[in-house]
């Protein structure tokens, strides 16, 4: 039997059929291959394999148009799914692999890297509700560092680490409902571990005023214990139970100043202690009795001096006085 060359038609035992170019009995060149389930391929063949460019229609009304190698989608191609989702990008060994753009039926759009038919590597996803994620992916899940903005008119944002599609590790959250900015640790998608949160509006339910800042421990989305830096400059030690304030303690002024410096990343320098003032030496105070004695003593010494001074200046008077004391004048003359 002669081998087919050129244009021809061939039917196969499994009810498939081919119509197109042959070379030495093998499908080679342009042609159409019909499967018994209703699928068909229109495009290029090489040595019996789909090779080059072609268009494939499967039984689920899905269409691939692009490049082929060894009867597999390989290179660049566009696949339209039965629900209207469209993938336009790179393929390898019949799988989405490399850079690609996926437009989902619900309006969501993914643009980024694929590996083994899954979103893997860097990519950006815009969700149907308007939310957006840009960052790292692994095995079709958000994994690694990324930025998420919630949709649906919420406006909350998260920048940080993801693990298996949820926030886990370190990150920053802006909560649009609370009007708060949190930076710290996350677990299972919730604030949990060490973190600080600054509030941009007064919230009686949270026991905070505008510009208050809480720094401390969080547990499964709720504050546990730490320091509250109040907007009026005060610093308090606080405790919470189920995010409700149960304890508050005002700190000494020096501790408050130290904590404020540490919160700003500054080095706190304690003020030098003030030296105690030296007490003045006591001034002796004279009592009234001592003053009287001193005055009396002073008068007596003055009188003695005057008597001595009188005797020394008038010897005649002294002699006269002495004669009078000795006896009558006649006795002296005799």
C-alpha atoms as a PDB file:
ATOM      1  CA  UNK A   1       0.000   0.000   0.000  1.00  0.00           C
ATOM      2  CA  UNK A   2       1.400   3.379  -0.974  1.00  0.00           C
ATOM      3  CA  UNK A   3       2.011   5.970   1.738  1.00  0.00           C
ATOM      4  CA  UNK A   4      -0.182   9.018   1.589  1.00  0.00           C
ATOM      5  CA  UNK A   5       1.462  12.242   0.404  1.00  0.00           C
ATOM      6  CA  UNK A   6      -0.235  15.588  -0.048  1.00  0.00           C
ATOM      7  CA  UNK A   7      -3.860  16.237   0.772  1.00  0.00           C
ATOM      8  CA  UNK A   8      -5.971  13.319   1.999  1.00  0.00           C
ATOM      9  CA  UNK A   9      -8.500  11.961   4.455  1.00  0.00           C
ATOM     10  CA  UNK A  10      -8.089   9.151   6.960  1.00  0.00           C
ATOM     11  CA  UNK A  11     -10.398   7.458   9.458  1.00  0.00           C
ATOM     12  CA  UNK A  12      -9.190   5.600  12.560  1.00  0.00           C
ATOM     13  CA  UNK A  13     -10.519   2.596  14.533  1.00  0.00           C
ATOM     14  CA  UNK A  14     -11.552   4.734  17.522  1.00  0.00           C
ATOM     15  CA  UNK A  15     -13.863   6.741  15.222  1.00  0.00           C
ATOM     16  CA  UNK A  16     -11.471   9.707  15.028  1.00  0.00           C
ATOM     17  CA  UNK A  17     -10.681  11.119  11.607  1.00  0.00           C
ATOM     18  CA  UNK A  18      -8.233  13.457   9.892  1.00  0.00           C
ATOM     19  CA  UNK A  19      -8.489  15.572   6.816  1.00  0.00           C
ATOM     20  CA  UNK A  20      -5.481  17.514   5.543  1.00  0.00           C
ATOM     21  CA  UNK A  21      -1.877  17.269   4.383  1.00  0.00           C
ATOM     22  CA  UNK A  22       0.178  14.067   4.592  1.00  0.00           C
ATOM     23  CA  UNK A  23       3.846  13.331   4.152  1.00  0.00           C
ATOM     24  CA  UNK A  24       5.014   9.728   3.790  1.00  0.00           C
ATOM     25  CA  UNK A  25       1.787   8.560   5.429  1.00  0.00           C
ATOM     26  CA  UNK A  26       1.964  10.890   8.448  1.00  0.00           C
ATOM     27  CA  UNK A  27      -0.103  13.998   9.123  1.00  0.00           C
ATOM     28  CA  UNK A  28       2.234  16.803   8.093  1.00  0.00           C
ATOM     29  CA  UNK A  29       1.283  20.389   7.273  1.00  0.00           C
ATOM     30  CA  UNK A  30      -2.139  21.970   7.634  1.00  0.00           C
ATOM     31  CA  UNK A  31      -5.137  19.856   8.565  1.00  0.00           C
ATOM     32  CA  UNK A  32      -8.086  19.158  10.826  1.00  0.00           C
ATOM     33  CA  UNK A  33      -8.281  16.312  13.287  1.00  0.00           C
ATOM     34  CA  UNK A  34     -11.777  15.258  14.479  1.00  0.00           C
ATOM     35  CA  UNK A  35     -12.233  13.388  17.774  1.00  0.00           C
ATOM     36  CA  UNK A  36     -15.138  11.047  18.291  1.00  0.00           C
ATOM     37  CA  UNK A  37     -16.357  13.097  21.337  1.00  0.00           C
ATOM     38  CA  UNK A  38     -16.865  16.180  19.161  1.00  0.00           C
ATOM     39  CA  UNK A  39     -13.524  17.881  19.861  1.00  0.00           C
ATOM     40  CA  UNK A  40     -11.368  18.993  16.942  1.00  0.00           C
ATOM     41  CA  UNK A  41      -7.997  20.563  16.167  1.00  0.00           C
ATOM     42  CA  UNK A  42      -7.392  22.906  13.256  1.00  0.00           C
ATOM     43  CA  UNK A  43      -3.793  23.786  12.548  1.00  0.00           C
ATOM     44  CA  UNK A  44      -0.289  22.628  11.785  1.00  0.00           C
ATOM     45  CA  UNK A  45       1.094  19.083  12.068  1.00  0.00           C
ATOM     46  CA  UNK A  46       4.593  17.686  11.925  1.00  0.00           C
ATOM     47  CA  UNK A  47       5.270  13.972  11.615  1.00  0.00           C
ATOM     48  CA  UNK A  48       1.844  13.137  12.971  1.00  0.00           C
ATOM     49  CA  UNK A  49       1.964  15.537  15.960  1.00  0.00           C
ATOM     50  CA  UNK A  50       0.261  18.866  16.504  1.00  0.00           C
ATOM     51  CA  UNK A  51       3.144  21.280  16.043  1.00  0.00           C
ATOM     52  CA  UNK A  52       3.348  25.004  15.368  1.00  0.00           C
ATOM     53  CA  UNK A  53       0.168  27.062  15.560  1.00  0.00           C
ATOM     54  CA  UNK A  54      -3.340  25.739  15.827  1.00  0.00           C
ATOM     55  CA  UNK A  55      -6.797  26.080  17.265  1.00  0.00           C
ATOM     56  CA  UNK A  56      -8.408  23.478  19.473  1.00  0.00           C
ATOM     57  CA  UNK A  57     -12.135  23.196  20.245  1.00  0.00           C
ATOM     58  CA  UNK A  58     -13.005  20.759  23.041  1.00  0.00           C
ATOM     59  CA  UNK A  59     -16.346  19.152  23.870  1.00  0.00           C
ATOM     60  CA  UNK A  60     -17.007  21.628  26.717  1.00  0.00           C
ATOM     61  CA  UNK A  61     -17.126  24.529  24.255  1.00  0.00           C
ATOM     62  CA  UNK A  62     -13.684  25.735  25.326  1.00  0.00           C
ATOM     63  CA  UNK A  63     -11.165  27.033  22.809  1.00  0.00           C
ATOM     64  CA  UNK A  64      -7.387  27.252  22.753  1.00  0.00           C
ATOM     65  CA  UNK A  65      -5.607  29.207  20.094  1.00  0.00           C
ATOM     66  CA  UNK A  66      -1.859  29.424  20.025  1.00  0.00           C
ATOM     67  CA  UNK A  67       1.404  27.499  19.820  1.00  0.00           C
ATOM     68  CA  UNK A  68       1.874  23.713  20.049  1.00  0.00           C
ATOM     69  CA  UNK A  69       4.768  21.329  20.541  1.00  0.00           C
ATOM     70  CA  UNK A  70       4.515  17.530  20.536  1.00  0.00           C
ATOM     71  CA  UNK A  71       0.712  17.795  20.568  1.00  0.00           C
ATOM     72  CA  UNK A  72       0.779  19.942  23.732  1.00  0.00           C
ATOM     73  CA  UNK A  73       0.069  23.613  24.256  1.00  0.00           C
ATOM     74  CA  UNK A  74       3.524  25.142  24.449  1.00  0.00           C
ATOM     75  CA  UNK A  75       4.568  28.760  23.955  1.00  0.00           C
ATOM     76  CA  UNK A  76       2.065  31.603  23.774  1.00  0.00           C
ATOM     77  CA  UNK A  77      -1.645  30.976  23.599  1.00  0.00           C
ATOM     78  CA  UNK A  78      -5.148  32.031  24.570  1.00  0.00           C
ATOM     79  CA  UNK A  79      -7.593  29.750  26.293  1.00  0.00           C
ATOM     80  CA  UNK A  80     -11.274  30.621  26.599  1.00  0.00           C
ATOM     81  CA  UNK A  81     -13.106  28.642  29.298  1.00  0.00           C
ATOM     82  CA  UNK A  82     -16.758  27.614  29.126  1.00  0.00           C
ATOM     83  CA  UNK A  83     -17.764  30.256  31.761  1.00  0.00           C
ATOM     84  CA  UNK A  84     -16.142  33.098  29.821  1.00  0.00           C
ATOM     85  CA  UNK A  85     -12.862  33.206  31.735  1.00  0.00           C
ATOM     86  CA  UNK A  86      -9.917  33.923  29.409  1.00  0.00           C
ATOM     87  CA  UNK A  87      -6.233  33.179  29.922  1.00  0.00           C
ATOM     88  CA  UNK A  88      -3.737  34.862  27.619  1.00  0.00           C
ATOM     89  CA  UNK A  89      -0.109  34.041  28.215  1.00  0.00           C
ATOM     90  CA  UNK A  90       2.660  31.475  28.275  1.00  0.00           C
ATOM     91  CA  UNK A  91       2.258  27.683  28.260  1.00  0.00           C
ATOM     92  CA  UNK A  92       4.647  24.834  28.870  1.00  0.00           C
ATOM     93  CA  UNK A  93       3.926  21.124  28.490  1.00  0.00           C
ATOM     94  CA  UNK A  94       0.166  21.795  28.226  1.00  0.00           C
ATOM     95  CA  UNK A  95       0.131  23.906  31.437  1.00  0.00           C
ATOM     96  CA  UNK A  96       0.003  27.649  32.100  1.00  0.00           C
ATOM     97  CA  UNK A  97       3.603  28.515  32.853  1.00  0.00           C
ATOM     98  CA  UNK A  98       5.324  31.920  32.735  1.00  0.00           C
ATOM     99  CA  UNK A  99       3.804  35.388  32.377  1.00  0.00           C
ATOM    100  CA  UNK A 100       0.069  35.406  31.800  1.00  0.00           C
ATOM    101  CA  UNK A 101      -3.115  37.423  32.114  1.00  0.00           C
ATOM    102  CA  UNK A 102      -6.271  35.804  33.449  1.00  0.00           C
ATOM    103  CA  UNK A 103      -9.627  37.556  33.108  1.00  0.00           C
ATOM    104  CA  UNK A 104     -12.151  35.775  35.298  1.00  0.00           C
ATOM    105  CA  UNK A 105     -15.834  35.539  34.555  1.00  0.00           C
ATOM    106  CA  UNK A 106     -16.759  37.476  37.725  1.00  0.00           C
ATOM    107  CA  UNK A 107     -14.668  40.477  36.634  1.00  0.00           C
ATOM    108  CA  UNK A 108     -11.504  39.667  38.561  1.00  0.00           C
ATOM    109  CA  UNK A 109      -8.154  40.002  36.780  1.00  0.00           C
ATOM    110  CA  UNK A 110      -4.772  38.413  37.536  1.00  0.00           C
ATOM    111  CA  UNK A 111      -1.588  39.523  35.837  1.00  0.00           C
ATOM    112  CA  UNK A 112       1.658  37.864  36.756  1.00  0.00           C
ATOM    113  CA  UNK A 113       3.684  34.715  36.821  1.00  0.00           C
ATOM    114  CA  UNK A 114       2.408  31.133  36.568  1.00  0.00           C
ATOM    115  CA  UNK A 115       4.113  27.828  37.304  1.00  0.00           C
ATOM    116  CA  UNK A 116       2.654  24.369  36.618  1.00  0.00           C
ATOM    117  CA  UNK A 117      -0.837  25.798  35.973  1.00  0.00           C
ATOM    118  CA  UNK A 118      -0.883  27.851  39.214  1.00  0.00           C
ATOM    119  CA  UNK A 119      -0.249  31.458  40.140  1.00  0.00           C
ATOM    120  CA  UNK A 120       3.280  31.385  41.458  1.00  0.00           C
ATOM    121  CA  UNK A 121       5.818  34.191  41.878  1.00  0.00           C
ATOM    122  CA  UNK A 122       5.055  37.902  41.560  1.00  0.00           C
ATOM    123  CA  UNK A 123       1.620  38.980  40.450  1.00  0.00           C
ATOM    124  CA  UNK A 124      -1.237  41.420  40.810  1.00  0.00           C
ATOM    125  CA  UNK A 125      -4.843  40.442  41.421  1.00  0.00           C
ATOM    126  CA  UNK A 126      -7.818  42.769  41.113  1.00  0.00           C
ATOM    127  CA  UNK A 127     -10.888  41.199  42.674  1.00  0.00           C
ATOM    128  CA  UNK A 128     -14.455  41.548  41.501  1.00  0.00           C
ATOM    129  CA  UNK A 129     -15.382  43.830  44.437  1.00  0.00           C
ATOM    130  CA  UNK A 130     -12.563  46.254  43.587  1.00  0.00           C
ATOM    131  CA  UNK A 131     -10.060  44.924  46.095  1.00  0.00           C
ATOM    132  CA  UNK A 132      -6.442  44.527  45.004  1.00  0.00           C
ATOM    133  CA  UNK A 133      -3.445  42.419  45.951  1.00  0.00           C
ATOM    134  CA  UNK A 134       0.076  42.868  44.633  1.00  0.00           C
ATOM    135  CA  UNK A 135       2.955  40.722  45.753  1.00  0.00           C
ATOM    136  CA  UNK A 136       4.203  37.181  46.059  1.00  0.00           C
ATOM    137  CA  UNK A 137       2.250  33.998  45.252  1.00  0.00           C
ATOM    138  CA  UNK A 138       2.937  30.300  45.835  1.00  0.00           C
ATOM    139  CA  UNK A 139       0.847  27.368  44.634  1.00  0.00           C
ATOM    140  CA  UNK A 140      -2.110  29.617  43.704  1.00  0.00           C
ATOM    141  CA  UNK A 141      -2.116  31.369  47.115  1.00  0.00           C
ATOM    142  CA  UNK A 142      -0.824  34.679  48.408  1.00  0.00           C
ATOM    143  CA  UNK A 143       2.399  33.727  50.126  1.00  0.00           C
ATOM    144  CA  UNK A 144       5.358  35.906  51.096  1.00  0.00           C
ATOM    145  CA  UNK A 145       5.332  39.705  51.099  1.00  0.00           C
ATOM    146  CA  UNK A 146       2.448  41.589  49.550  1.00  0.00           C
ATOM    147  CA  UNK A 147       0.056  44.551  49.683  1.00  0.00           C
ATOM    148  CA  UNK A 148      -3.689  44.084  50.001  1.00  0.00           C
ATOM    149  CA  UNK A 149      -6.437  46.680  49.670  1.00  0.00           C
ATOM    150  CA  UNK A 150      -9.942  45.587  50.565  1.00  0.00           C
ATOM    151  CA  UNK A 151     -12.764  46.341  48.185  1.00  0.00           C
ATOM    152  CA  UNK A 152     -16.469  46.818  48.630  1.00  0.00           C
ATOM    153  CA  UNK A 153     -16.013  50.429  49.731  1.00  0.00           C
ATOM    154  CA  UNK A 154     -14.097  49.451  52.875  1.00  0.00           C
ATOM    155  CA  UNK A 155     -10.696  50.936  52.058  1.00  0.00           C
ATOM    156  CA  UNK A 156      -8.680  49.036  54.688  1.00  0.00           C
ATOM    157  CA  UNK A 157      -5.131  48.113  53.639  1.00  0.00           C
ATOM    158  CA  UNK A 158      -2.519  45.579  54.727  1.00  0.00           C
ATOM    159  CA  UNK A 159       1.163  45.545  53.813  1.00  0.00           C
ATOM    160  CA  UNK A 160       3.238  42.657  55.066  1.00  0.00           C
ATOM    161  CA  UNK A 161       3.774  38.927  55.143  1.00  0.00           C
ATOM    162  CA  UNK A 162       1.278  36.284  53.998  1.00  0.00           C
ATOM    163  CA  UNK A 163       1.212  32.562  54.703  1.00  0.00           C
ATOM    164  CA  UNK A 164      -1.072  30.292  52.694  1.00  0.00           C
ATOM    165  CA  UNK A 165      -3.333  33.143  51.575  1.00  0.00           C
ATOM    166  CA  UNK A 166      -3.743  34.957  54.951  1.00  0.00           C
ATOM    167  CA  UNK A 167      -1.723  37.642  56.782  1.00  0.00           C
ATOM    168  CA  UNK A 168       0.823  36.005  59.073  1.00  0.00           C
ATOM    169  CA  UNK A 169       4.098  37.425  60.391  1.00  0.00           C
ATOM    170  CA  UNK A 170       4.972  41.110  60.434  1.00  0.00           C
ATOM    171  CA  UNK A 171       2.843  43.729  58.728  1.00  0.00           C
ATOM    172  CA  UNK A 172       1.057  47.066  58.789  1.00  0.00           C
ATOM    173  CA  UNK A 173      -2.724  47.387  58.865  1.00  0.00           C
ATOM    174  CA  UNK A 174      -4.836  50.468  58.299  1.00  0.00           C
ATOM    175  CA  UNK A 175      -8.297  49.711  59.656  1.00  0.00           C
ATOM    176  CA  UNK A 176     -10.772  52.005  57.912  1.00  0.00           C
ATOM    177  CA  UNK A 177     -13.553  51.255  60.410  1.00  0.00           C
ATOM    178  CA  UNK A 178     -11.432  52.035  63.487  1.00  0.00           C
ATOM    179  CA  UNK A 179      -9.441  54.744  61.702  1.00  0.00           C
ATOM    180  CA  UNK A 180      -6.342  53.181  63.218  1.00  0.00           C
ATOM    181  CA  UNK A 181      -2.833  52.342  61.981  1.00  0.00           C
ATOM    182  CA  UNK A 182      -1.283  49.137  63.385  1.00  0.00           C
ATOM    183  CA  UNK A 183       2.282  47.924  62.889  1.00  0.00           C
ATOM    184  CA  UNK A 184       3.384  44.629  64.374  1.00  0.00           C
ATOM    185  CA  UNK A 185       2.781  40.909  64.346  1.00  0.00           C
ATOM    186  CA  UNK A 186      -0.112  38.933  62.846  1.00  0.00           C
ATOM    187  CA  UNK A 187      -1.320  35.383  63.299  1.00  0.00           C
ATOM    188  CA  UNK A 188      -4.126  33.665  61.385  1.00  0.00           C
ATOM    189  CA  UNK A 189      -5.037  36.992  59.801  1.00  0.00           C
ATOM    190  CA  UNK A 190      -5.423  38.819  63.144  1.00  0.00           C
ATOM    191  CA  UNK A 191      -3.275  41.241  65.141  1.00  0.00           C
ATOM    192  CA  UNK A 192      -1.481  38.969  67.572  1.00  0.00           C
ATOM    193  CA  UNK A 193       1.889  39.420  69.331  1.00  0.00           C
ATOM    194  CA  UNK A 194       3.881  42.632  69.751  1.00  0.00           C
ATOM    195  CA  UNK A 195       2.456  45.687  68.034  1.00  0.00           C
ATOM    196  CA  UNK A 196       1.664  49.372  68.233  1.00  0.00           C
ATOM    197  CA  UNK A 197      -1.573  51.005  67.141  1.00  0.00           C
ATOM    198  CA  UNK A 198      -2.258  54.711  66.639  1.00  0.00           C
ATOM    199  CA  UNK A 199      -5.866  55.868  66.612  1.00  0.00           C
ATOM    200  CA  UNK A 200      -6.977  58.652  64.266  1.00  0.00           C
ATOM    201  CA  UNK A 201     -10.363  59.293  65.864  1.00  0.00           C
ATOM    202  CA  UNK A 202     -12.007  59.136  69.282  1.00  0.00           C
ATOM    203  CA  UNK A 203     -13.686  55.790  69.931  1.00  0.00           C
ATOM    204  CA  UNK A 204     -15.515  55.347  73.223  1.00  0.00           C
ATOM    205  CA  UNK A 205     -15.969  51.637  72.633  1.00  0.00           C
ATOM    206  CA  UNK A 206     -12.192  51.189  72.388  1.00  0.00           C
ATOM    207  CA  UNK A 207     -11.555  53.642  75.254  1.00  0.00           C
ATOM    208  CA  UNK A 208      -9.315  55.823  73.093  1.00  0.00           C
ATOM    209  CA  UNK A 209      -9.140  59.453  72.046  1.00  0.00           C
ATOM    210  CA  UNK A 210      -7.860  60.863  68.776  1.00  0.00           C
ATOM    211  CA  UNK A 211      -4.053  60.485  68.490  1.00  0.00           C
ATOM    212  CA  UNK A 212      -3.802  58.019  71.396  1.00  0.00           C
ATOM    213  CA  UNK A 213      -1.275  55.243  70.762  1.00  0.00           C
ATOM    214  CA  UNK A 214      -1.195  51.750  72.309  1.00  0.00           C
ATOM    215  CA  UNK A 215       2.063  49.781  72.393  1.00  0.00           C
ATOM    216  CA  UNK A 216       2.136  46.251  73.742  1.00  0.00           C
ATOM    217  CA  UNK A 217       0.787  42.721  73.476  1.00  0.00           C
ATOM    218  CA  UNK A 218      -2.156  41.651  71.274  1.00  0.00           C
ATOM    219  CA  UNK A 219      -4.035  38.362  71.370  1.00  0.00           C
ATOM    220  CA  UNK A 220      -6.147  37.167  68.414  1.00  0.00           C
ATOM    221  CA  UNK A 221      -7.103  40.658  67.285  1.00  0.00           C
ATOM    222  CA  UNK A 222      -7.573  42.213  70.751  1.00  0.00           C
ATOM    223  CA  UNK A 223      -5.308  44.296  72.971  1.00  0.00           C
ATOM    224  CA  UNK A 224      -3.992  42.471  76.058  1.00  0.00           C
ATOM    225  CA  UNK A 225      -1.518  44.635  77.996  1.00  0.00           C
ATOM    226  CA  UNK A 226       0.959  47.419  77.397  1.00  0.00           C
ATOM    227  CA  UNK A 227       1.414  51.194  77.449  1.00  0.00           C
ATOM    228  CA  UNK A 228      -1.044  53.851  76.333  1.00  0.00           C
ATOM    229  CA  UNK A 229       0.556  57.053  75.056  1.00  0.00           C
ATOM    230  CA  UNK A 230      -2.273  59.533  75.493  1.00  0.00           C
ATOM    231  CA  UNK A 231      -2.795  62.510  73.216  1.00  0.00           C
ATOM    232  CA  UNK A 232      -2.427  64.880  76.195  1.00  0.00           C
ATOM    233  CA  UNK A 233       1.151  63.662  76.782  1.00  0.00           C
ATOM    234  CA  UNK A 234       0.458  61.268  79.652  1.00  0.00           C
ATOM    235  CA  UNK A 235       1.714  57.668  79.584  1.00  0.00           C
ATOM    236  CA  UNK A 236      -0.244  54.938  81.362  1.00  0.00           C
ATOM    237  CA  UNK A 237       0.224  51.218  81.936  1.00  0.00           C
ATOM    238  CA  UNK A 238      -3.012  49.516  80.811  1.00  0.00           C
ATOM    239  CA  UNK A 239      -4.566  46.058  80.749  1.00  0.00           C
ATOM    240  CA  UNK A 240      -7.455  44.695  78.667  1.00  0.00           C
ATOM    241  CA  UNK A 241      -9.756  41.689  78.762  1.00  0.00           C
ATOM    242  CA  UNK A 242     -11.474  40.879  75.462  1.00  0.00           C
ATOM    243  CA  UNK A 243     -10.305  44.322  74.294  1.00  0.00           C
ATOM    244  CA  UNK A 244     -12.108  46.047  77.195  1.00  0.00           C
ATOM    245  CA  UNK A 245     -10.070  48.254  79.519  1.00  0.00           C
ATOM    246  CA  UNK A 246      -9.796  46.724  83.010  1.00  0.00           C
ATOM    247  CA  UNK A 247      -6.679  48.416  84.415  1.00  0.00           C
ATOM    248  CA  UNK A 248      -4.900  51.753  84.037  1.00  0.00           C
ATOM    249  CA  UNK A 249      -1.968  53.089  86.033  1.00  0.00           C
ATOM    250  CA  UNK A 250      -0.277  56.450  85.663  1.00  0.00           C
ATOM    251  CA  UNK A 251       3.531  56.191  85.589  1.00  0.00           C
ATOM    252  CA  UNK A 252       6.107  58.404  87.326  1.00  0.00           C
ATOM    253  CA  UNK A 253       7.113  61.426  85.255  1.00  0.00           C
ATOM    254  CA  UNK A 254      10.680  60.207  84.646  1.00  0.00           C
ATOM    255  CA  UNK A 255       9.422  56.815  83.405  1.00  0.00           C
ATOM    256  CA  UNK A 256       6.989  58.589  81.084  1.00  0.00           C
ATOM    257  CA  UNK A 257       9.779  60.681  79.550  1.00  0.00           C
ATOM    258  CA  UNK A 258      11.952  57.576  79.078  1.00  0.00           C
ATOM    259  CA  UNK A 259       9.166  55.679  77.323  1.00  0.00           C
ATOM    260  CA  UNK A 260       8.406  58.626  75.033  1.00  0.00           C
ATOM    261  CA  UNK A 261      12.047  58.759  73.936  1.00  0.00           C
ATOM    262  CA  UNK A 262      12.164  55.003  73.331  1.00  0.00           C
ATOM    263  CA  UNK A 263       8.951  55.186  71.278  1.00  0.00           C
ATOM    264  CA  UNK A 264      10.607  57.773  69.019  1.00  0.00           C
ATOM    265  CA  UNK A 265      13.791  55.705  68.723  1.00  0.00           C
ATOM    266  CA  UNK A 266      15.746  58.238  70.739  1.00  0.00           C
ATOM    267  CA  UNK A 267      18.222  57.623  73.557  1.00  0.00           C
ATOM    268  CA  UNK A 268      16.896  58.737  76.893  1.00  0.00           C
ATOM    269  CA  UNK A 269      19.317  60.706  79.094  1.00  0.00           C
ATOM    270  CA  UNK A 270      18.192  60.904  82.689  1.00  0.00           C
ATOM    271  CA  UNK A 271      18.516  64.367  84.264  1.00  0.00           C
ATOM    272  CA  UNK A 272      21.318  64.777  86.813  1.00  0.00           C
ATOM    273  CA  UNK A 273      20.102  64.720  90.409  1.00  0.00           C
ATOM    274  CA  UNK A 274      19.880  68.177  92.022  1.00  0.00           C
ATOM    275  CA  UNK A 275      22.429  68.590  94.871  1.00  0.00           C
ATOM    276  CA  UNK A 276      20.763  69.379  98.232  1.00  0.00           C
ATOM    277  CA  UNK A 277      21.216  72.983  99.444  1.00  0.00           C
ATOM    278  CA  UNK A 278      23.745  73.442 102.303  1.00  0.00           C
ATOM    279  CA  UNK A 279      22.062  74.633 105.471  1.00  0.00           C
ATOM    280  CA  UNK A 280      23.410  78.038 106.733  1.00  0.00           C
ATOM    281  CA  UNK A 281      25.518  77.971 109.928  1.00  0.00           C
ATOM    282  CA  UNK A 282      23.523  79.030 113.023  1.00  0.00           C
ATOM    283  CA  UNK A 283      24.096  82.584 114.332  1.00  0.00           C
ATOM    284  CA  UNK A 284      24.548  82.659 118.170  1.00  0.00           C
ATOM    285  CA  UNK A 285      21.737  84.504 119.880  1.00  0.00           C
ATOM    286  CA  UNK A 286      22.326  86.113 123.324  1.00  0.00           C
ATOM    287  CA  UNK A 287      19.719  85.579 125.978  1.00  0.00           C
ATOM    288  CA  UNK A 288      18.463  88.566 128.029  1.00  0.00           C
ATOM    289  CA  UNK A 289      20.257  87.276 131.189  1.00  0.00           C
ATOM    290  CA  UNK A 290      23.617  87.022 129.444  1.00  0.00           C
ATOM    291  CA  UNK A 291      23.163  90.523 127.969  1.00  0.00           C
ATOM    292  CA  UNK A 292      22.477  91.974 131.486  1.00  0.00           C
ATOM    293  CA  UNK A 293      25.579  90.310 132.967  1.00  0.00           C
ATOM    294  CA  UNK A 294      27.785  91.628 130.192  1.00  0.00           C
ATOM    295  CA  UNK A 295      26.467  95.160 130.738  1.00  0.00           C
ATOM    296  CA  UNK A 296      27.049  94.956 134.544  1.00  0.00           C
ATOM    297  CA  UNK A 297      30.575  93.657 134.108  1.00  0.00           C
ATOM    298  CA  UNK A 298      31.351  96.440 131.663  1.00  0.00           C
ATOM    299  CA  UNK A 299      30.175  99.163 134.122  1.00  0.00           C
ATOM    300  CA  UNK A 300      32.313  97.798 137.016  1.00  0.00           C
ATOM    301  CA  UNK A 301      35.524  97.837 135.052  1.00  0.00           C
ATOM    302  CA  UNK A 302      34.933 101.426 133.959  1.00  0.00           C
ATOM    303  CA  UNK A 303      34.504 102.586 137.608  1.00  0.00           C
ATOM    304  CA  UNK A 304      37.764 100.987 138.691  1.00  0.00           C
ATOM    305  CA  UNK A 305      39.639 102.704 135.910  1.00  0.00           C
ATOM    306  CA  UNK A 306      38.186 106.076 136.850  1.00  0.00           C
ATOM    307  CA  UNK A 307      39.262 105.660 140.519  1.00  0.00           C
ATOM    308  CA  UNK A 308      42.797 104.786 139.560  1.00  0.00           C
ATOM    309  CA  UNK A 309      42.960 107.625 137.124  1.00  0.00           C
ATOM    310  CA  UNK A 310      41.815 110.113 139.833  1.00  0.00           C
ATOM    311  CA  UNK A 311      44.441 109.002 142.401  1.00  0.00           C
ATOM    312  CA  UNK A 312      47.263 109.189 139.954  1.00  0.00           C
ATOM    313  CA  UNK A 313      46.410 112.703 138.779  1.00  0.00           C
ATOM    314  CA  UNK A 314      45.958 114.361 142.275  1.00  0.00           C
ATOM    315  CA  UNK A 315      48.649 113.127 144.743  1.00  0.00           C
ATOM    316  CA  UNK A 316      47.838 115.952 147.198  1.00  0.00           C
ATOM    317  CA  UNK A 317      44.365 114.739 147.651  1.00  0.00           C
ATOM    318  CA  UNK A 318      45.687 111.286 148.199  1.00  0.00           C
ATOM    319  CA  UNK A 319      48.171 112.507 150.777  1.00  0.00           C
ATOM    320  CA  UNK A 320      45.552 114.608 152.524  1.00  0.00           C
ATOM    321  CA  UNK A 321      43.314 111.670 152.727  1.00  0.00           C
ATOM    322  CA  UNK A 322      46.125 109.607 154.146  1.00  0.00           C
ATOM    323  CA  UNK A 323      46.889 112.240 156.850  1.00  0.00           C
ATOM    324  CA  UNK A 324      43.334 112.473 157.949  1.00  0.00           C
ATOM    325  CA  UNK A 325      43.243 108.805 158.460  1.00  0.00           C
ATOM    326  CA  UNK A 326      46.444 108.851 160.627  1.00  0.00           C
ATOM    327  CA  UNK A 327      45.181 111.250 163.375  1.00  0.00           C
ATOM    328  CA  UNK A 328      45.074 114.969 164.430  1.00  0.00           C
ATOM    329  CA  UNK A 329      47.578 117.435 162.925  1.00  0.00           C
ATOM    330  CA  UNK A 330      49.092 118.293 166.293  1.00  0.00           C
ATOM    331  CA  UNK A 331      50.336 114.867 166.847  1.00  0.00           C
ATOM    332  CA  UNK A 332      52.089 114.996 163.541  1.00  0.00           C
ATOM    333  CA  UNK A 333      53.798 118.320 164.384  1.00  0.00           C
ATOM    334  CA  UNK A 334      55.093 117.100 167.727  1.00  0.00           C
END
